């Protein structure tokens, strides 16, 4: 069921990353009103790493219960109910 973990993380990233970039640009507007020198930068390599790492982590965490569930005989589980 690691596809469920992947989809959950990707939905969060699709929503979160653009919000983070937008918040950075809003900070730029706010800083400009305060006469603070701010240089907008979007660290593409860091954003790429922060996209890949959660997907890998979610799949690693989801893999443990999936492996345990895969080794459980269905007959034994159904018999106990």
Protein backbone atom coordinates (compact mmCIF):
# COMPACT_ATOMS: atom_id res chain seq x y z
CA UNK A 1 0.00 0.00 0.00
CA UNK A 2 2.92 2.33 -0.52
CA UNK A 3 1.03 4.00 -3.36
CA UNK A 4 -1.31 5.48 -0.74
CA UNK A 5 1.65 6.99 1.11
CA UNK A 6 3.03 8.36 -2.15
CA UNK A 7 -0.27 9.97 -3.14
CA UNK A 8 -0.73 11.50 0.32
CA UNK A 9 2.75 13.02 0.30
CA UNK A 10 2.44 14.25 -3.29
CA UNK A 11 -0.88 15.98 -2.55
CA UNK A 12 0.73 17.69 0.42
CA UNK A 13 3.68 18.76 -1.70
CA UNK A 14 1.52 20.00 -4.56
CA UNK A 15 -0.36 22.20 -2.09
CA UNK A 16 2.54 23.12 0.21
CA UNK A 17 5.40 23.99 -2.14
CA UNK A 18 3.49 26.65 -4.12
CA UNK A 19 2.17 28.10 -0.86
CA UNK A 20 5.73 28.35 0.43
CA UNK A 21 6.90 30.09 -2.73
CA UNK A 22 3.90 32.47 -2.58
CA UNK A 23 4.64 33.23 1.08
CA UNK A 24 8.20 34.10 0.10
CA UNK A 25 6.97 36.53 -2.53
CA UNK A 26 4.50 38.05 -0.04
CA UNK A 27 7.39 38.52 2.35
CA UNK A 28 9.23 40.35 -0.42
CA UNK A 29 6.31 42.78 -0.81
CA UNK A 30 6.14 43.30 2.95
CA UNK A 31 9.90 43.81 3.23
CA UNK A 32 9.81 46.31 0.39
CA UNK A 33 7.26 48.38 2.30
CA UNK A 34 9.63 48.37 5.29
CA UNK A 35 12.51 49.50 3.04
CA UNK A 36 14.37 46.30 3.75
CA UNK A 37 16.60 45.00 1.02
CA UNK A 38 15.44 41.50 0.19
CA UNK A 39 16.63 39.40 -2.71
CA UNK A 40 14.09 36.77 -3.74
CA UNK A 41 15.67 33.42 -4.39
CA UNK A 42 14.04 30.09 -5.04
CA UNK A 43 16.56 27.36 -4.21
CA UNK A 44 15.54 24.85 -6.86
CA UNK A 45 17.96 22.15 -5.67
CA UNK A 46 16.71 22.41 -2.08
CA UNK A 47 13.07 22.31 -3.18
CA UNK A 48 13.83 19.25 -5.33
CA UNK A 49 15.47 17.52 -2.36
CA UNK A 50 12.55 18.44 -0.13
CA UNK A 51 10.18 16.90 -2.69
CA UNK A 52 12.10 13.64 -3.11
CA UNK A 53 12.94 13.03 0.57
CA UNK A 54 9.35 12.90 1.91
CA UNK A 55 8.26 10.56 -0.87
CA UNK A 56 11.13 8.18 -0.11
CA UNK A 57 10.52 8.41 3.64
CA UNK A 58 6.79 7.80 3.29
CA UNK A 59 7.40 4.74 1.13
CA UNK A 60 9.98 3.39 3.56
CA UNK A 61 7.61 3.86 6.50
CA UNK A 62 4.69 2.33 4.59
CA UNK A 63 6.79 -0.62 3.49
CA UNK A 64 7.18 -2.09 6.98
CA UNK A 65 3.45 -2.61 7.71
CA UNK A 66 2.90 -3.72 4.13
CA UNK A 67 5.59 -6.39 4.44
CA UNK A 68 4.14 -7.61 7.75
CA UNK A 69 0.63 -7.71 6.30
CA UNK A 70 1.87 -9.55 3.24
CA UNK A 71 3.34 -12.34 5.38
CA UNK A 72 0.19 -12.79 7.45
CA UNK A 73 -1.86 -15.75 6.24
CA UNK A 74 -5.37 -14.64 5.34
CA UNK A 75 -6.96 -17.85 6.65
CA UNK A 76 -5.54 -17.29 10.14
CA UNK A 77 -6.85 -13.73 10.27
CA UNK A 78 -10.30 -14.68 9.01
CA UNK A 79 -10.50 -17.62 11.41
CA UNK A 80 -9.86 -15.34 14.41
CA UNK A 81 -12.81 -13.08 13.64
